[in-house]
Amino acid sequence: MKILLILLSFQLFASGNQRADIVTNKVKSTFDQSHKLLTEILEKNLVDGKVSSLFNYQAVKSNPKKLNDYLKSLESVTKTDFSSFSKDQQLSFWINAYNAYTIKLIINHYPLKSIKDIKGEGGLFGIGSTPWKIKFIKLHGKMLSLDDIEHGIIRKNFDEPRIHFAVNCASMGCPSLAKKAFNAKNLEELLQKMSLNFINNPAKNNFDKDKKVYSASKIFKWYGSDFDKKHGSFIRFIKKLKPDLGDLSKYKIQWMAYGWELNETK
């Protein structure tokens, strides 16, 4: 009798574990870590431009289903689900969320000439208001803004200054959008590629070797401290990417005007 009870208990325990595994696998499989939908959106609507990659907002506004489906998939991820993601999966999630919700913000207000034309929040009588503070994103049970994602989550929790070449503010002065979504498998490669693309783009960063003048993107002016923590300075970071420039510390730095016009193609 004792042997029968032991066998029965073992079967119940094994059955319970099997059910738990099924539930766990179901939870893990509900979210596509490859972010395939976003890659499909980018591949269909993103083209290379002389200054920056250009996005077809008009086309997505006319047929937003795939974007909405992707955003729903992000919104389906609970805080508990997210805690089981690897660090690279988490960072990829937030980069992609920022870029996808920026597209959503633009098409919600399209047509427009600049993201800055969108009436935001903050400032006295609307002066100094910003679209990046609009809380229109519902993730992990909270209403978030683009600023919340970039500054309150990504910059706060990830020691990775290259995210400034990955998140896109829908403007010509921004680093180009990548033609594929970030995921844990391509994160390192894509971050490095987008960093090089940005540094090597003379419309964003221009190095006059003869006059020893570096015309730099204001991204380094605004977020230089992020590079200080990991690389000592943004100059040292750039030197690692472009050792052929010689001693960048001898270059005079001047800041380029930042282009806020919409990075749009039709």
Protein backbone atom coordinates (compact mmCIF):
# COMPACT_ATOMS: atom_id res chain seq x y z
CA MET A 1 0.00 0.00 0.00
CA LYS A 2 2.83 2.38 0.89
CA ILE A 3 4.50 1.64 -2.46
CA LEU A 4 1.25 2.47 -4.29
CA LEU A 5 0.92 5.75 -2.38
CA ILE A 6 4.52 6.67 -3.17
CA LEU A 7 4.02 5.92 -6.86
CA LEU A 8 0.77 7.90 -6.92
CA SER A 9 2.45 10.87 -5.21
CA PHE A 10 5.32 10.76 -7.69
CA GLN A 11 2.89 10.72 -10.63
CA LEU A 12 0.99 13.68 -9.19
CA PHE A 13 4.23 15.58 -8.60
CA ALA A 14 5.48 14.84 -12.12
CA SER A 15 2.11 15.79 -13.58
CA GLY A 16 2.13 19.06 -11.63
CA ASN A 17 5.62 19.88 -12.85
CA GLN A 18 4.61 19.07 -16.41
CA ARG A 19 1.64 21.42 -16.19
CA ALA A 20 3.87 24.09 -14.67
CA ASP A 21 6.35 23.63 -17.52
CA ILE A 22 3.55 23.95 -20.06
CA VAL A 23 2.33 27.16 -18.42
CA THR A 24 5.87 28.51 -18.21
CA ASN A 25 6.58 27.69 -21.83
CA LYS A 26 3.29 29.24 -22.82
CA VAL A 27 4.20 32.45 -21.04
CA LYS A 28 7.61 32.54 -22.68
CA SER A 29 6.21 31.80 -26.12
CA THR A 30 3.53 34.50 -26.06
CA PHE A 31 6.08 37.20 -26.91
CA ASP A 32 8.19 37.06 -30.04
CA GLN A 33 11.71 37.91 -28.93
CA SER A 34 12.79 38.37 -32.55
CA HIS A 35 10.42 41.38 -32.86
CA LYS A 36 9.56 40.14 -36.34
CA LEU A 37 6.58 42.45 -36.82
CA LEU A 38 8.66 45.56 -36.22
CA THR A 39 11.34 44.33 -38.61
CA GLU A 40 8.66 43.85 -41.28
CA ILE A 41 7.40 47.40 -40.71
CA LEU A 42 10.91 48.84 -40.98
CA GLU A 43 11.86 46.82 -44.06
CA LYS A 44 8.71 47.94 -45.89
CA ASN A 45 8.70 51.62 -44.92
CA LEU A 46 12.32 52.67 -44.34
CA VAL A 47 14.63 53.92 -47.09
CA ASP A 48 18.14 55.35 -47.06
CA GLY A 49 18.53 59.11 -47.46
CA LYS A 50 21.55 61.38 -47.96
CA VAL A 51 21.35 62.75 -44.42
CA SER A 52 19.29 60.15 -42.58
CA SER A 53 17.10 57.12 -43.13
CA LEU A 54 13.58 58.17 -44.11
CA PHE A 55 10.32 56.61 -42.97
CA ASN A 56 6.98 56.43 -44.79
CA TYR A 57 4.63 57.65 -42.04
CA GLN A 58 1.82 58.26 -44.52
CA ALA A 59 1.76 54.60 -45.56
CA VAL A 60 1.68 53.36 -41.97
CA LYS A 61 -1.06 55.84 -41.05
CA SER A 62 -3.12 54.56 -44.00
CA ASN A 63 -2.68 50.96 -42.87
CA PRO A 64 -1.65 50.85 -39.18
CA LYS A 65 -2.70 47.26 -38.43
CA LYS A 66 0.78 45.74 -38.29
CA LEU A 67 2.08 48.56 -36.08
CA ASN A 68 -0.92 48.26 -33.78
CA ASP A 69 -0.46 44.48 -33.60
CA TYR A 70 3.18 44.96 -32.65
CA LEU A 71 2.32 47.51 -29.97
CA LYS A 72 -0.30 45.12 -28.57
CA SER A 73 2.36 42.43 -28.35
CA LEU A 74 4.54 44.80 -26.30
CA GLU A 75 1.61 45.69 -24.09
CA SER A 76 0.85 42.01 -23.48
CA VAL A 77 4.16 41.58 -21.64
CA THR A 78 3.54 41.74 -17.91
CA LYS A 79 6.08 42.90 -15.38
CA THR A 80 6.48 39.27 -14.26
CA ASP A 81 7.06 38.11 -17.83
CA PHE A 82 9.60 40.88 -18.36
CA SER A 83 11.57 39.90 -15.26
CA SER A 84 12.29 36.53 -16.91
CA PHE A 85 13.88 38.21 -19.96
CA SER A 86 17.65 38.30 -20.26
CA LYS A 87 19.37 41.69 -19.97
CA ASP A 88 19.83 41.84 -23.75
CA GLN A 89 16.17 40.95 -24.32
CA GLN A 90 15.13 43.70 -21.92
CA LEU A 91 17.27 46.36 -23.57
CA SER A 92 16.08 45.30 -27.03
CA PHE A 93 12.48 45.49 -25.81
CA TRP A 94 12.87 49.08 -24.63
CA ILE A 95 14.77 50.30 -27.70
CA ASN A 96 12.14 48.82 -30.00
CA ALA A 97 9.32 50.14 -27.84
CA TYR A 98 10.75 53.66 -28.01
CA ASN A 99 11.07 53.56 -31.79
CA ALA A 100 7.69 51.93 -32.41
CA TYR A 101 5.81 54.31 -30.11
CA THR A 102 7.59 57.27 -31.71
CA ILE A 103 6.16 56.12 -35.04
CA LYS A 104 2.76 55.80 -33.37
CA LEU A 105 3.02 59.33 -31.96
CA ILE A 106 3.85 60.74 -35.39
CA ILE A 107 1.00 58.98 -37.23
CA ASN A 108 -1.42 60.03 -34.48
CA HIS A 109 -0.67 63.66 -35.40
CA TYR A 110 0.26 63.27 -39.07
CA PRO A 111 0.66 65.28 -41.27
CA LEU A 112 3.24 67.50 -39.59
CA LYS A 113 6.65 68.96 -40.37
CA SER A 114 8.38 68.15 -37.10
CA ILE A 115 7.80 66.04 -34.00
CA LYS A 116 8.19 69.29 -32.08
CA ASP A 117 4.94 70.53 -33.67
CA ILE A 118 3.10 68.07 -31.42
CA LYS A 119 1.71 69.80 -28.36
CA GLY A 120 3.24 68.17 -25.35
CA GLU A 121 3.16 68.58 -21.60
CA GLY A 122 5.01 70.75 -19.13
CA GLY A 123 6.12 74.34 -19.19
CA LEU A 124 4.30 77.48 -18.12
CA PHE A 125 1.28 78.12 -20.38
CA GLY A 126 2.62 75.46 -22.73
CA ILE A 127 5.96 77.22 -23.20
CA GLY A 128 8.70 74.64 -23.15
CA SER A 129 6.21 71.79 -23.52
CA THR A 130 7.49 68.68 -25.19
CA PRO A 131 5.94 65.72 -27.02
CA TRP A 132 8.39 63.41 -25.26
CA LYS A 133 6.55 63.93 -21.98
CA ILE A 134 3.12 62.83 -23.27
CA LYS A 135 2.06 59.70 -21.36
CA PHE A 136 0.38 57.67 -24.10
CA ILE A 137 2.27 54.37 -23.70
CA LYS A 138 0.81 51.63 -21.51
CA LEU A 139 3.45 49.09 -20.53
CA HIS A 140 3.75 46.98 -17.39
CA GLY A 141 0.52 48.46 -16.05
CA LYS A 142 1.81 52.05 -16.16
CA MET A 143 1.28 55.01 -18.44
CA LEU A 144 4.65 56.09 -19.78
CA SER A 145 6.09 58.79 -22.00
CA LEU A 146 8.98 58.49 -24.43
CA ASP A 147 11.11 60.37 -21.90
CA ASP A 148 10.16 57.81 -19.25
CA ILE A 149 11.45 55.02 -21.48
CA GLU A 150 14.67 56.74 -22.56
CA HIS A 151 15.71 58.52 -19.38
CA GLY A 152 13.79 56.79 -16.60
CA ILE A 153 14.35 53.22 -17.80
CA ILE A 154 17.05 52.76 -20.46
CA ARG A 155 19.62 55.32 -19.30
CA LYS A 156 18.91 54.56 -15.66
CA ASN A 157 19.12 50.77 -15.83
CA PHE A 158 21.53 50.02 -18.68
CA ASP A 159 25.13 51.17 -18.83
CA GLU A 160 25.06 51.43 -22.62
CA PRO A 161 25.64 54.88 -24.17
CA ARG A 162 25.30 53.44 -27.69
CA ILE A 163 21.54 53.47 -27.20
CA HIS A 164 21.72 57.10 -28.34
CA PHE A 165 22.43 55.73 -31.83
CA ALA A 166 19.57 53.25 -31.57
CA VAL A 167 16.56 55.26 -30.33
CA ASN A 168 15.14 57.57 -32.96
CA CYS A 169 13.24 60.85 -32.44
CA ALA A 170 11.74 60.94 -35.96
CA SER A 171 14.02 63.83 -36.94
CA MET A 172 16.73 64.38 -39.53
CA GLY A 173 19.30 65.23 -36.86
CA CYS A 174 18.82 61.86 -35.16
CA PRO A 175 20.88 58.79 -35.92
CA SER A 176 19.16 56.76 -38.62
CA LEU A 177 16.61 54.11 -37.77
CA ALA A 178 17.97 50.60 -38.17
CA LYS A 179 16.36 48.55 -40.91
CA LYS A 180 15.64 45.74 -38.49
CA ALA A 181 14.37 45.47 -34.95
CA PHE A 182 16.84 44.93 -32.10
CA ASN A 183 16.85 41.55 -30.38
CA ALA A 184 19.16 39.63 -28.07
CA LYS A 185 20.90 37.90 -30.98
CA ASN A 186 21.78 41.03 -32.97
CA LEU A 187 21.96 43.64 -30.18
CA GLU A 188 25.74 44.00 -29.96
CA GLU A 189 26.28 43.88 -33.71
CA LEU A 190 23.48 46.35 -34.44
CA LEU A 191 24.51 48.80 -31.71
CA GLN A 192 28.03 48.84 -33.09
CA LYS A 193 26.82 49.19 -36.68
CA MET A 194 24.50 52.10 -35.87
CA SER A 195 27.27 53.80 -33.88
CA LEU A 196 29.64 53.60 -36.85
CA ASN A 197 26.94 54.77 -39.25
CA PHE A 198 26.34 57.83 -37.10
CA ILE A 199 29.99 58.71 -36.55
CA ASN A 200 30.83 58.19 -40.23
CA ASN A 201 27.93 60.35 -41.44
CA PRO A 202 29.48 63.76 -42.32
CA ALA A 203 26.05 65.39 -42.01
CA LYS A 204 26.05 64.43 -38.32
CA ASN A 205 29.75 64.34 -37.41
CA ASN A 206 32.38 65.99 -39.57
CA PHE A 207 36.13 65.78 -38.99
CA ASP A 208 38.42 68.29 -40.71
CA LYS A 209 41.82 66.65 -40.31
CA ASP A 210 43.72 69.57 -41.84
CA LYS A 211 42.19 72.29 -39.65
CA LYS A 212 41.77 69.92 -36.70
CA VAL A 213 38.11 70.88 -36.28
CA TYR A 214 35.43 68.43 -35.23
CA SER A 215 31.86 69.51 -36.05
CA ALA A 216 29.93 67.30 -33.65
CA SER A 217 26.33 66.25 -33.22
CA LYS A 218 24.62 67.85 -30.23
CA ILE A 219 23.80 64.35 -29.03
CA PHE A 220 27.30 64.32 -27.58
CA LYS A 221 26.68 67.70 -25.96
CA TRP A 222 23.41 66.54 -24.39
CA TYR A 223 24.49 63.03 -23.38
CA GLY A 224 28.25 63.25 -23.07
CA SER A 225 28.06 62.16 -19.43
CA ASP A 226 26.76 58.74 -20.51
CA PHE A 227 29.99 58.20 -22.46
CA ASP A 228 32.09 59.53 -19.57
CA LYS A 229 30.95 56.71 -17.31
CA LYS A 230 31.89 53.88 -19.66
CA HIS A 231 34.58 55.29 -21.95
CA GLY A 232 36.06 58.25 -20.07
CA SER A 233 34.59 60.68 -22.61
CA PHE A 234 32.75 60.67 -25.92
CA ILE A 235 36.02 61.68 -27.58
CA ARG A 236 37.65 58.46 -26.37
CA PHE A 237 34.61 56.52 -27.56
CA ILE A 238 34.91 58.03 -31.04
CA LYS A 239 38.67 57.40 -31.11
CA LYS A 240 38.01 53.68 -30.58
CA LEU A 241 35.69 53.69 -33.60
CA LYS A 242 37.92 55.90 -35.78
CA PRO A 243 41.56 55.46 -34.73
CA ASP A 244 42.66 56.98 -38.07
CA LEU A 245 41.69 60.45 -36.82
CA GLY A 246 44.77 60.68 -34.65
CA ASP A 247 44.72 62.66 -31.41
CA LEU A 248 41.14 63.95 -31.21
CA SER A 249 41.95 65.85 -28.03
CA LYS A 250 43.76 68.37 -30.25
CA TYR A 251 40.65 69.04 -32.34
CA LYS A 252 38.51 72.09 -31.72
CA ILE A 253 34.91 71.02 -31.14
CA GLN A 254 32.00 72.98 -32.57
CA TRP A 255 28.39 71.89 -32.34
CA MET A 256 26.29 71.31 -35.42
CA ALA A 257 22.75 72.66 -35.69
CA TYR A 258 20.30 69.85 -34.92
CA GLY A 259 17.74 69.15 -37.65
CA TRP A 260 14.25 68.70 -36.19
CA GLU A 261 12.46 68.34 -39.53
CA LEU A 262 10.54 65.05 -39.90
CA ASN A 263 12.57 62.15 -41.32
CA GLU A 264 9.86 61.42 -43.84
CA THR A 265 9.61 59.83 -47.25
CA LYS A 266 6.46 59.22 -49.28
